[in-house]
Amino acid sequence: MNSTTFYSHGKLLLTGEYLVLDGAIALGLPTKKGQKLKVKTTQFSQQIHWESKLADNSTWLSMDFQWNQNLNFSSEETSPEAQKLIEIFNYIASQKPKLFQQKKHGFSFCSKLEFDKNWGLGSSSTLINNFAQWAEIDAFQLQFKIFGGSGYDIACAQNSTPIIYQKEENQIQVEPTQFLPKFKNQLFFVYLNQKKNSRQAIQHYKTLNPITKLDAKERIDEISQQILHADSLADFESLLTAHEKIMATLLEEFPIKGCLFQDYPKAIKSLGAWGGDFILATGGEAQKEYFRKRNYSTILDYDEMILDV
């Protein structure tokens, strides 16, 4: 039986978090690590075997699905993961029924992450983009149907350089861009040892005052453009700090630096949903040691994390 492998990049959002949902200009950074999806046709009629593997090649999810003549999918597995996969397969079947109309065969899917699934680098969006490549359907529409969100993570999954992303109503603009800071050896990422539920954070954001959000959006748009052209580390740090201050006021939350790292001598910026996943910090080895002493052991240099080819 034939097999095909698909691949998508992970993501980090440097600017425009939350506000990207309301049309803000956002700077997205595809990561070097992503997710692979291997698909084989099998002899098991109208059946699907699914496996999800971690970076160490261990299996964290294994289940079976069936579909009937009406192209409806089901499984004896009742976990949230199984229900989400059923939702994905049902949507794909509604868009591309011919994939499942060959009654004499089934499929085997094996999805493998290259990064820790708790890191918030896009385990869902990379999966969705891989599914879309396999089914030859629109990845953004699949993402909006299954998970919602802004879609910037799908754009990162599809690109191998940093991107400027903007979604206004139903119009999506993705512009590959160069972001090669001269001071990137002074940039690193720290995992905060906890994963933030971005969907809950988004629900809170949606309750905020629209006028306040519009004002914040206009200022963040400017910062997103300025960050691309920051010539010095000092300018870059100033822009990061300004971004954090605007978002803190909007979200009515303290910036992560004020909450956890008040005595940190350099700049810190949250990435994505505030309070979890990764932060971007500026500094060198002495500053990395600052985090290690506080039991933050997952520290990645800019060149280790970010893809720019």
C-alpha atoms as a PDB file:
ATOM      1  CA  MET A   1       0.000   0.000   0.000  1.00  0.00           C
ATOM      2  CA  ASN A   2       1.247   3.504  -0.800  1.00  0.00           C
ATOM      3  CA  SER A   3       2.218   6.042   1.855  1.00  0.00           C
ATOM      4  CA  THR A   4       2.767   9.805   1.877  1.00  0.00           C
ATOM      5  CA  THR A   5       4.321  12.105   4.463  1.00  0.00           C
ATOM      6  CA  PHE A   6       3.322  15.714   5.138  1.00  0.00           C
ATOM      7  CA  TYR A   7       5.079  18.305   7.275  1.00  0.00           C
ATOM      8  CA  SER A   8       4.213  21.609   8.972  1.00  0.00           C
ATOM      9  CA  HIS A   9       6.227  24.099  11.033  1.00  0.00           C
ATOM     10  CA  GLY A  10       5.482  25.154  14.597  1.00  0.00           C
ATOM     11  CA  LYS A  11       4.862  28.776  15.521  1.00  0.00           C
ATOM     12  CA  LEU A  12       5.514  31.635  17.905  1.00  0.00           C
ATOM     13  CA  LEU A  13       3.771  35.010  17.826  1.00  0.00           C
ATOM     14  CA  LEU A  14       6.201  37.840  18.503  1.00  0.00           C
ATOM     15  CA  THR A  15       3.741  40.730  18.245  1.00  0.00           C
ATOM     16  CA  GLY A  16      -0.026  41.178  18.103  1.00  0.00           C
ATOM     17  CA  GLU A  17      -1.181  38.461  20.482  1.00  0.00           C
ATOM     18  CA  TYR A  18      -4.938  38.524  21.111  1.00  0.00           C
ATOM     19  CA  LEU A  19      -5.362  41.647  18.930  1.00  0.00           C
ATOM     20  CA  VAL A  20      -4.595  39.568  15.835  1.00  0.00           C
ATOM     21  CA  LEU A  21      -8.176  38.303  16.289  1.00  0.00           C
ATOM     22  CA  ASP A  22      -9.376  41.845  15.550  1.00  0.00           C
ATOM     23  CA  GLY A  23      -7.245  42.592  12.518  1.00  0.00           C
ATOM     24  CA  ALA A  24      -3.986  43.670  14.135  1.00  0.00           C
ATOM     25  CA  ILE A  25      -0.749  43.339  12.201  1.00  0.00           C
ATOM     26  CA  ALA A  26       1.155  40.447  13.778  1.00  0.00           C
ATOM     27  CA  LEU A  27       4.689  39.169  13.382  1.00  0.00           C
ATOM     28  CA  GLY A  28       4.713  35.371  13.344  1.00  0.00           C
ATOM     29  CA  LEU A  29       7.821  33.226  13.608  1.00  0.00           C
ATOM     30  CA  PRO A  30       7.792  29.667  12.205  1.00  0.00           C
ATOM     31  CA  THR A  31       9.883  27.326  14.343  1.00  0.00           C
ATOM     32  CA  LYS A  32      12.510  24.845  13.252  1.00  0.00           C
ATOM     33  CA  LYS A  33      10.573  22.018  14.862  1.00  0.00           C
ATOM     34  CA  GLY A  34       7.142  20.983  13.646  1.00  0.00           C
ATOM     35  CA  GLN A  35       4.980  17.914  13.110  1.00  0.00           C
ATOM     36  CA  LYS A  36       4.936  15.134  10.525  1.00  0.00           C
ATOM     37  CA  LEU A  37       1.938  13.148   9.337  1.00  0.00           C
ATOM     38  CA  LYS A  38       2.410   9.824   7.557  1.00  0.00           C
ATOM     39  CA  VAL A  39      -0.631   8.406   5.778  1.00  0.00           C
ATOM     40  CA  LYS A  40      -0.905   4.877   4.370  1.00  0.00           C
ATOM     41  CA  THR A  41      -3.753   3.155   2.594  1.00  0.00           C
ATOM     42  CA  THR A  42      -4.612  -0.227   4.127  1.00  0.00           C
ATOM     43  CA  GLN A  43      -6.676  -3.289   3.275  1.00  0.00           C
ATOM     44  CA  PHE A  44      -9.059  -2.738   6.200  1.00  0.00           C
ATOM     45  CA  SER A  45     -12.273  -1.565   4.591  1.00  0.00           C
ATOM     46  CA  GLN A  46     -13.687   1.741   5.851  1.00  0.00           C
ATOM     47  CA  GLN A  47     -11.416   1.762   8.896  1.00  0.00           C
ATOM     48  CA  ILE A  48      -8.779   4.172  10.161  1.00  0.00           C
ATOM     49  CA  HIS A  49      -6.006   3.425  12.613  1.00  0.00           C
ATOM     50  CA  TRP A  50      -4.603   6.509  14.326  1.00  0.00           C
ATOM     51  CA  GLU A  51      -1.357   6.970  16.253  1.00  0.00           C
ATOM     52  CA  SER A  52       0.177  10.111  17.739  1.00  0.00           C
ATOM     53  CA  LYS A  53       3.837  10.020  18.725  1.00  0.00           C
ATOM     54  CA  LEU A  54       5.943  12.324  20.865  1.00  0.00           C
ATOM     55  CA  ALA A  55       9.410  13.595  19.976  1.00  0.00           C
ATOM     56  CA  ASP A  56      10.997  10.600  21.732  1.00  0.00           C
ATOM     57  CA  ASN A  57       8.952   8.307  19.436  1.00  0.00           C
ATOM     58  CA  SER A  58       6.713   7.066  22.263  1.00  0.00           C
ATOM     59  CA  THR A  59       3.004   6.716  21.463  1.00  0.00           C
ATOM     60  CA  TRP A  60       0.695   8.941  23.502  1.00  0.00           C
ATOM     61  CA  LEU A  61      -2.500   8.319  21.532  1.00  0.00           C
ATOM     62  CA  SER A  62      -3.717   5.248  19.664  1.00  0.00           C
ATOM     63  CA  MET A  63      -7.254   4.579  18.455  1.00  0.00           C
ATOM     64  CA  ASP A  64      -9.415   3.247  15.643  1.00  0.00           C
ATOM     65  CA  PHE A  65     -12.222   4.821  13.640  1.00  0.00           C
ATOM     66  CA  GLN A  66     -14.812   3.578  11.201  1.00  0.00           C
ATOM     67  CA  TRP A  67     -16.971   5.295   8.630  1.00  0.00           C
ATOM     68  CA  ASN A  68     -20.289   4.217   7.131  1.00  0.00           C
ATOM     69  CA  GLN A  69     -21.900   4.595   3.729  1.00  0.00           C
ATOM     70  CA  ASN A  70     -23.083   8.081   4.661  1.00  0.00           C
ATOM     71  CA  LEU A  71     -19.445   9.054   5.353  1.00  0.00           C
ATOM     72  CA  ASN A  72     -20.066   9.558   9.062  1.00  0.00           C
ATOM     73  CA  PHE A  73     -17.169   8.653  11.360  1.00  0.00           C
ATOM     74  CA  SER A  74     -17.325   6.957  14.736  1.00  0.00           C
ATOM     75  CA  SER A  75     -15.074   5.315  17.312  1.00  0.00           C
ATOM     76  CA  GLU A  76     -15.450   3.242  20.454  1.00  0.00           C
ATOM     77  CA  GLU A  77     -12.982   5.689  21.991  1.00  0.00           C
ATOM     78  CA  THR A  78     -14.786   8.512  23.813  1.00  0.00           C
ATOM     79  CA  SER A  79     -11.844  10.728  24.764  1.00  0.00           C
ATOM     80  CA  PRO A  80     -11.830  14.444  23.795  1.00  0.00           C
ATOM     81  CA  GLU A  81      -9.001  13.687  21.351  1.00  0.00           C
ATOM     82  CA  ALA A  82     -11.116  11.031  19.626  1.00  0.00           C
ATOM     83  CA  GLN A  83     -14.100  13.369  19.378  1.00  0.00           C
ATOM     84  CA  LYS A  84     -11.931  16.100  17.879  1.00  0.00           C
ATOM     85  CA  LEU A  85     -10.495  13.713  15.285  1.00  0.00           C
ATOM     86  CA  ILE A  86     -14.010  12.532  14.399  1.00  0.00           C
ATOM     87  CA  GLU A  87     -14.966  16.173  13.880  1.00  0.00           C
ATOM     88  CA  ILE A  88     -11.963  16.647  11.575  1.00  0.00           C
ATOM     89  CA  PHE A  89     -12.657  13.492   9.547  1.00  0.00           C
ATOM     90  CA  ASN A  90     -16.359  14.379   9.186  1.00  0.00           C
ATOM     91  CA  TYR A  91     -15.472  17.838   7.893  1.00  0.00           C
ATOM     92  CA  ILE A  92     -12.895  16.461   5.438  1.00  0.00           C
ATOM     93  CA  ALA A  93     -15.439  13.905   4.194  1.00  0.00           C
ATOM     94  CA  SER A  94     -17.963  16.701   3.612  1.00  0.00           C
ATOM     95  CA  GLN A  95     -15.398  18.561   1.484  1.00  0.00           C
ATOM     96  CA  LYS A  96     -13.691  15.632  -0.245  1.00  0.00           C
ATOM     97  CA  PRO A  97     -16.066  12.633  -0.176  1.00  0.00           C
ATOM     98  CA  LYS A  98     -14.080  10.803  -2.866  1.00  0.00           C
ATOM     99  CA  LEU A  99     -11.306  10.165  -0.332  1.00  0.00           C
ATOM    100  CA  PHE A 100     -13.582   7.775   1.522  1.00  0.00           C
ATOM    101  CA  GLN A 101     -15.769   6.328  -1.228  1.00  0.00           C
ATOM    102  CA  GLN A 102     -13.378   3.483  -2.026  1.00  0.00           C
ATOM    103  CA  LYS A 103     -15.024   0.856   0.157  1.00  0.00           C
ATOM    104  CA  LYS A 104     -12.240  -1.698  -0.182  1.00  0.00           C
ATOM    105  CA  HIS A 105      -9.602   0.212   1.707  1.00  0.00           C
ATOM    106  CA  GLY A 106      -8.898   2.191   4.855  1.00  0.00           C
ATOM    107  CA  PHE A 107      -6.125   4.388   6.195  1.00  0.00           C
ATOM    108  CA  SER A 108      -3.365   4.364   8.750  1.00  0.00           C
ATOM    109  CA  PHE A 109      -2.301   7.764  10.138  1.00  0.00           C
ATOM    110  CA  CYS A 110       0.831   8.348  12.219  1.00  0.00           C
ATOM    111  CA  SER A 111       1.447  11.885  13.481  1.00  0.00           C
ATOM    112  CA  LYS A 112       4.771  12.705  15.129  1.00  0.00           C
ATOM    113  CA  LEU A 113       5.671  15.872  17.004  1.00  0.00           C
ATOM    114  CA  GLU A 114       9.235  17.180  16.971  1.00  0.00           C
ATOM    115  CA  PHE A 115       8.670  19.414  20.015  1.00  0.00           C
ATOM    116  CA  ASP A 116       7.216  18.851  23.476  1.00  0.00           C
ATOM    117  CA  LYS A 117       3.436  18.941  23.083  1.00  0.00           C
ATOM    118  CA  ASN A 118       3.144  21.138  26.184  1.00  0.00           C
ATOM    119  CA  TRP A 119       5.290  23.893  24.696  1.00  0.00           C
ATOM    120  CA  GLY A 120       2.465  25.648  22.861  1.00  0.00           C
ATOM    121  CA  LEU A 121       4.281  25.653  19.521  1.00  0.00           C
ATOM    122  CA  GLY A 122       1.246  24.487  17.567  1.00  0.00           C
ATOM    123  CA  SER A 123       0.526  20.792  18.043  1.00  0.00           C
ATOM    124  CA  SER A 124      -3.042  21.459  16.816  1.00  0.00           C
ATOM    125  CA  SER A 125      -2.272  23.862  13.975  1.00  0.00           C
ATOM    126  CA  THR A 126       0.507  21.695  12.534  1.00  0.00           C
ATOM    127  CA  LEU A 127      -1.849  18.719  12.637  1.00  0.00           C
ATOM    128  CA  ILE A 128      -4.593  20.695  10.898  1.00  0.00           C
ATOM    129  CA  ASN A 129      -2.233  21.916   8.190  1.00  0.00           C
ATOM    130  CA  ASN A 130      -0.961  18.379   7.595  1.00  0.00           C
ATOM    131  CA  PHE A 131      -4.533  17.105   7.315  1.00  0.00           C
ATOM    132  CA  ALA A 132      -5.311  19.880   4.830  1.00  0.00           C
ATOM    133  CA  GLN A 133      -2.288  18.985   2.706  1.00  0.00           C
ATOM    134  CA  TRP A 134      -3.357  15.348   2.630  1.00  0.00           C
ATOM    135  CA  ALA A 135      -6.990  16.096   1.768  1.00  0.00           C
ATOM    136  CA  GLU A 136      -6.080  19.028  -0.526  1.00  0.00           C
ATOM    137  CA  ILE A 137      -8.488  21.393   1.212  1.00  0.00           C
ATOM    138  CA  ASP A 138      -8.112  24.908   2.631  1.00  0.00           C
ATOM    139  CA  ALA A 139      -6.176  24.695   5.901  1.00  0.00           C
ATOM    140  CA  PHE A 140      -7.504  28.021   7.182  1.00  0.00           C
ATOM    141  CA  GLN A 141     -11.115  26.946   6.734  1.00  0.00           C
ATOM    142  CA  LEU A 142     -10.410  23.636   8.472  1.00  0.00           C
ATOM    143  CA  GLN A 143      -8.728  25.480  11.349  1.00  0.00           C
ATOM    144  CA  PHE A 144     -11.597  27.967  11.754  1.00  0.00           C
ATOM    145  CA  LYS A 145     -14.137  25.124  11.671  1.00  0.00           C
ATOM    146  CA  ILE A 146     -12.381  22.903  14.210  1.00  0.00           C
ATOM    147  CA  PHE A 147     -10.468  25.242  16.552  1.00  0.00           C
ATOM    148  CA  GLY A 148     -11.284  28.843  15.625  1.00  0.00           C
ATOM    149  CA  GLY A 149      -8.583  31.429  16.355  1.00  0.00           C
ATOM    150  CA  SER A 150      -6.912  33.929  14.059  1.00  0.00           C
ATOM    151  CA  GLY A 151      -5.238  31.520  11.640  1.00  0.00           C
ATOM    152  CA  TYR A 152      -1.746  32.975  12.058  1.00  0.00           C
ATOM    153  CA  ASP A 153      -0.532  29.578  13.269  1.00  0.00           C
ATOM    154  CA  ILE A 154      -1.645  27.991   9.985  1.00  0.00           C
ATOM    155  CA  ALA A 155       0.277  30.680   8.089  1.00  0.00           C
ATOM    156  CA  CYS A 156       3.383  29.845  10.130  1.00  0.00           C
ATOM    157  CA  ALA A 157       2.854  26.129   9.458  1.00  0.00           C
ATOM    158  CA  GLN A 158       2.950  26.861   5.727  1.00  0.00           C
ATOM    159  CA  ASN A 159       5.948  29.214   5.648  1.00  0.00           C
ATOM    160  CA  SER A 160       9.676  28.847   6.211  1.00  0.00           C
ATOM    161  CA  THR A 161      10.433  32.497   6.999  1.00  0.00           C
ATOM    162  CA  PRO A 162       8.912  34.980   9.449  1.00  0.00           C
ATOM    163  CA  ILE A 163       5.571  36.395   8.320  1.00  0.00           C
ATOM    164  CA  ILE A 164       3.474  39.508   8.680  1.00  0.00           C
ATOM    165  CA  TYR A 165      -0.075  38.245   9.236  1.00  0.00           C
ATOM    166  CA  GLN A 166      -3.340  40.119   9.218  1.00  0.00           C
ATOM    167  CA  LYS A 167      -6.945  38.896   9.175  1.00  0.00           C
ATOM    168  CA  GLU A 168      -9.666  41.472   8.683  1.00  0.00           C
ATOM    169  CA  GLU A 169     -13.156  39.986   8.503  1.00  0.00           C
ATOM    170  CA  ASN A 170     -12.780  37.233   5.887  1.00  0.00           C
ATOM    171  CA  GLN A 171      -9.640  38.631   4.259  1.00  0.00           C
ATOM    172  CA  ILE A 172      -6.348  36.944   5.176  1.00  0.00           C
ATOM    173  CA  GLN A 173      -3.037  38.550   4.257  1.00  0.00           C
ATOM    174  CA  VAL A 174       0.212  36.633   4.710  1.00  0.00           C
ATOM    175  CA  GLU A 175       3.438  38.365   3.771  1.00  0.00           C
ATOM    176  CA  PRO A 176       6.723  36.481   4.142  1.00  0.00           C
ATOM    177  CA  THR A 177       9.285  38.874   5.563  1.00  0.00           C
ATOM    178  CA  GLN A 178      12.866  39.057   6.740  1.00  0.00           C
ATOM    179  CA  PHE A 179      13.511  39.340  10.421  1.00  0.00           C
ATOM    180  CA  LEU A 180      17.234  38.973  10.971  1.00  0.00           C
ATOM    181  CA  PRO A 181      18.110  41.059  14.044  1.00  0.00           C
ATOM    182  CA  LYS A 182      21.813  41.825  14.330  1.00  0.00           C
ATOM    183  CA  PHE A 183      21.495  41.115  18.055  1.00  0.00           C
ATOM    184  CA  LYS A 184      19.813  37.703  17.781  1.00  0.00           C
ATOM    185  CA  ASN A 185      22.639  36.165  19.847  1.00  0.00           C
ATOM    186  CA  GLN A 186      21.173  38.262  22.676  1.00  0.00           C
ATOM    187  CA  LEU A 187      17.691  36.726  22.279  1.00  0.00           C
ATOM    188  CA  PHE A 188      16.508  33.475  23.834  1.00  0.00           C
ATOM    189  CA  PHE A 189      13.290  31.674  24.755  1.00  0.00           C
ATOM    190  CA  VAL A 190      12.350  30.332  28.188  1.00  0.00           C
ATOM    191  CA  TYR A 191       9.577  27.796  28.808  1.00  0.00           C
ATOM    192  CA  LEU A 192       7.533  28.756  31.873  1.00  0.00           C
ATOM    193  CA  ASN A 193       6.884  25.118  32.885  1.00  0.00           C
ATOM    194  CA  GLN A 194       3.159  25.406  32.296  1.00  0.00           C
ATOM    195  CA  LYS A 195       0.873  25.376  29.284  1.00  0.00           C
ATOM    196  CA  LYS A 196      -1.699  28.142  29.011  1.00  0.00           C
ATOM    197  CA  ASN A 197      -5.202  27.332  27.754  1.00  0.00           C
ATOM    198  CA  SER A 198      -5.302  29.787  24.863  1.00  0.00           C
ATOM    199  CA  ARG A 199      -9.019  29.194  24.202  1.00  0.00           C
ATOM    200  CA  GLN A 200      -9.941  30.320  27.723  1.00  0.00           C
ATOM    201  CA  ALA A 201      -7.646  33.334  27.382  1.00  0.00           C
ATOM    202  CA  ILE A 202      -9.309  34.254  24.089  1.00  0.00           C
ATOM    203  CA  GLN A 203     -12.765  34.049  25.671  1.00  0.00           C
ATOM    204  CA  HIS A 204     -11.670  36.581  28.291  1.00  0.00           C
ATOM    205  CA  TYR A 205     -10.201  38.833  25.611  1.00  0.00           C
ATOM    206  CA  LYS A 206     -13.477  38.829  23.674  1.00  0.00           C
ATOM    207  CA  THR A 207     -15.292  40.376  26.638  1.00  0.00           C
ATOM    208  CA  LEU A 208     -13.080  43.488  26.611  1.00  0.00           C
ATOM    209  CA  ASN A 209     -14.207  46.964  25.498  1.00  0.00           C
ATOM    210  CA  PRO A 210     -14.111  47.237  21.661  1.00  0.00           C
ATOM    211  CA  ILE A 211     -12.994  50.885  21.743  1.00  0.00           C
ATOM    212  CA  THR A 212     -10.118  50.049  24.080  1.00  0.00           C
ATOM    213  CA  LYS A 213      -9.131  47.171  21.786  1.00  0.00           C
ATOM    214  CA  LEU A 214      -9.174  49.412  18.718  1.00  0.00           C
ATOM    215  CA  ASP A 215      -6.851  51.925  20.369  1.00  0.00           C
ATOM    216  CA  ALA A 216      -4.484  49.138  21.448  1.00  0.00           C
ATOM    217  CA  LYS A 217      -4.597  47.617  17.950  1.00  0.00           C
ATOM    218  CA  GLU A 218      -3.461  50.841  16.297  1.00  0.00           C
ATOM    219  CA  ARG A 219      -0.488  51.160  18.650  1.00  0.00           C
ATOM    220  CA  ILE A 220       0.468  47.478  18.306  1.00  0.00           C
ATOM    221  CA  ASP A 221       0.327  47.805  14.498  1.00  0.00           C
ATOM    222  CA  GLU A 222       3.007  50.487  14.734  1.00  0.00           C
ATOM    223  CA  ILE A 223       5.177  48.406  17.040  1.00  0.00           C
ATOM    224  CA  SER A 224       4.926  45.365  14.744  1.00  0.00           C
ATOM    225  CA  GLN A 225       6.313  47.416  11.874  1.00  0.00           C
ATOM    226  CA  GLN A 226       8.986  49.077  14.008  1.00  0.00           C
ATOM    227  CA  ILE A 227      10.256  45.791  15.448  1.00  0.00           C
ATOM    228  CA  LEU A 228      11.082  44.570  11.944  1.00  0.00           C
ATOM    229  CA  HIS A 229      13.469  47.491  11.520  1.00  0.00           C
ATOM    230  CA  ALA A 230      14.954  47.771  15.020  1.00  0.00           C
ATOM    231  CA  ASP A 231      18.674  48.444  14.515  1.00  0.00           C
ATOM    232  CA  SER A 232      19.864  47.989  18.092  1.00  0.00           C
ATOM    233  CA  LEU A 233      19.108  45.752  21.032  1.00  0.00           C
ATOM    234  CA  ALA A 234      18.173  48.829  23.074  1.00  0.00           C
ATOM    235  CA  ASP A 235      15.558  49.866  20.505  1.00  0.00           C
ATOM    236  CA  PHE A 236      14.228  46.309  20.323  1.00  0.00           C
ATOM    237  CA  GLU A 237      13.962  46.060  24.112  1.00  0.00           C
ATOM    238  CA  SER A 238      12.144  49.384  24.241  1.00  0.00           C
ATOM    239  CA  LEU A 239       9.600  48.133  21.707  1.00  0.00           C
ATOM    240  CA  LEU A 240       9.089  44.853  23.596  1.00  0.00           C
ATOM    241  CA  THR A 241       8.493  46.744  26.829  1.00  0.00           C
ATOM    242  CA  ALA A 242       6.034  49.120  25.144  1.00  0.00           C
ATOM    243  CA  HIS A 243       4.160  46.145  23.655  1.00  0.00           C
ATOM    244  CA  GLU A 244       3.912  44.488  27.077  1.00  0.00           C
ATOM    245  CA  LYS A 245       2.641  47.697  28.672  1.00  0.00           C
ATOM    246  CA  ILE A 246      -0.090  48.173  26.063  1.00  0.00           C
ATOM    247  CA  MET A 247      -1.258  44.579  26.378  1.00  0.00           C
ATOM    248  CA  ALA A 248      -1.138  44.665  30.186  1.00  0.00           C
ATOM    249  CA  THR A 249      -3.416  47.700  30.231  1.00  0.00           C
ATOM    250  CA  LEU A 250      -5.773  46.100  27.709  1.00  0.00           C
ATOM    251  CA  LEU A 251      -5.947  42.710  29.424  1.00  0.00           C
ATOM    252  CA  GLU A 252      -5.991  44.231  32.921  1.00  0.00           C
ATOM    253  CA  GLU A 253      -3.142  41.938  33.903  1.00  0.00           C
ATOM    254  CA  PHE A 254       0.409  42.428  35.125  1.00  0.00           C
ATOM    255  CA  PRO A 255       3.143  41.722  32.563  1.00  0.00           C
ATOM    256  CA  ILE A 256       4.971  38.447  33.191  1.00  0.00           C
ATOM    257  CA  LYS A 257       8.103  40.352  34.197  1.00  0.00           C
ATOM    258  CA  GLY A 258       6.202  42.204  36.907  1.00  0.00           C
ATOM    259  CA  CYS A 259       4.606  38.971  38.130  1.00  0.00           C
ATOM    260  CA  LEU A 260       7.548  36.571  38.192  1.00  0.00           C
ATOM    261  CA  PHE A 261      10.785  38.323  37.288  1.00  0.00           C
ATOM    262  CA  GLN A 262      10.696  41.796  38.802  1.00  0.00           C
ATOM    263  CA  ASP A 263      14.469  41.905  39.362  1.00  0.00           C
ATOM    264  CA  TYR A 264      15.373  40.728  35.852  1.00  0.00           C
ATOM    265  CA  PRO A 265      17.737  43.386  34.430  1.00  0.00           C
ATOM    266  CA  LYS A 266      16.787  43.052  30.750  1.00  0.00           C
ATOM    267  CA  ALA A 267      13.581  42.806  28.702  1.00  0.00           C
ATOM    268  CA  ILE A 268      10.977  40.026  28.780  1.00  0.00           C
ATOM    269  CA  LYS A 269       7.966  39.533  26.523  1.00  0.00           C
ATOM    270  CA  SER A 270       5.129  37.033  26.697  1.00  0.00           C
ATOM    271  CA  LEU A 271       4.493  35.031  23.537  1.00  0.00           C
ATOM    272  CA  GLY A 272       0.953  33.990  22.716  1.00  0.00           C
ATOM    273  CA  ALA A 273      -1.463  33.556  25.637  1.00  0.00           C
ATOM    274  CA  TRP A 274      -0.193  35.416  28.695  1.00  0.00           C
ATOM    275  CA  GLY A 275       0.953  33.372  31.663  1.00  0.00           C
ATOM    276  CA  GLY A 276       2.185  30.173  30.029  1.00  0.00           C
ATOM    277  CA  ASP A 277       4.221  28.578  27.286  1.00  0.00           C
ATOM    278  CA  PHE A 278       7.327  30.563  26.237  1.00  0.00           C
ATOM    279  CA  ILE A 279       8.654  34.021  26.905  1.00  0.00           C
ATOM    280  CA  LEU A 280      11.271  35.892  24.877  1.00  0.00           C
ATOM    281  CA  ALA A 281      14.101  37.311  26.990  1.00  0.00           C
ATOM    282  CA  THR A 282      17.071  39.475  26.081  1.00  0.00           C
ATOM    283  CA  GLY A 283      20.565  38.961  27.458  1.00  0.00           C
ATOM    284  CA  GLY A 284      23.484  36.549  27.447  1.00  0.00           C
ATOM    285  CA  GLU A 285      24.770  33.638  29.514  1.00  0.00           C
ATOM    286  CA  ALA A 286      24.476  35.494  32.813  1.00  0.00           C
ATOM    287  CA  GLN A 287      20.813  36.154  32.130  1.00  0.00           C
ATOM    288  CA  LYS A 288      20.177  32.524  31.157  1.00  0.00           C
ATOM    289  CA  GLU A 289      21.676  31.528  34.503  1.00  0.00           C
ATOM    290  CA  TYR A 290      19.135  33.823  36.181  1.00  0.00           C
ATOM    291  CA  PHE A 291      16.355  31.584  34.868  1.00  0.00           C
ATOM    292  CA  ARG A 292      18.167  28.313  35.568  1.00  0.00           C
ATOM    293  CA  LYS A 293      18.547  29.285  39.221  1.00  0.00           C
ATOM    294  CA  ARG A 294      14.756  29.669  39.319  1.00  0.00           C
ATOM    295  CA  ASN A 295      14.199  26.165  37.913  1.00  0.00           C
ATOM    296  CA  TYR A 296      13.400  27.192  34.353  1.00  0.00           C
ATOM    297  CA  SER A 297      15.550  24.643  32.581  1.00  0.00           C
ATOM    298  CA  THR A 298      14.124  24.774  29.041  1.00  0.00           C
ATOM    299  CA  ILE A 299      16.036  27.643  27.460  1.00  0.00           C
ATOM    300  CA  LEU A 300      16.496  27.841  23.683  1.00  0.00           C
ATOM    301  CA  ASP A 301      18.644  30.282  21.740  1.00  0.00           C
ATOM    302  CA  TYR A 302      16.971  32.230  18.936  1.00  0.00           C
ATOM    303  CA  ASP A 303      18.756  30.200  16.263  1.00  0.00           C
ATOM    304  CA  GLU A 304      17.743  26.930  17.951  1.00  0.00           C
ATOM    305  CA  MET A 305      14.068  27.866  17.876  1.00  0.00           C
ATOM    306  CA  ILE A 306      13.329  30.061  14.873  1.00  0.00           C
ATOM    307  CA  LEU A 307      13.352  29.023  11.227  1.00  0.00           C
ATOM    308  CA  ASP A 308      14.636  31.559   8.713  1.00  0.00           C
ATOM    309  CA  VAL A 309      15.912  30.159   5.450  1.00  0.00           C
END
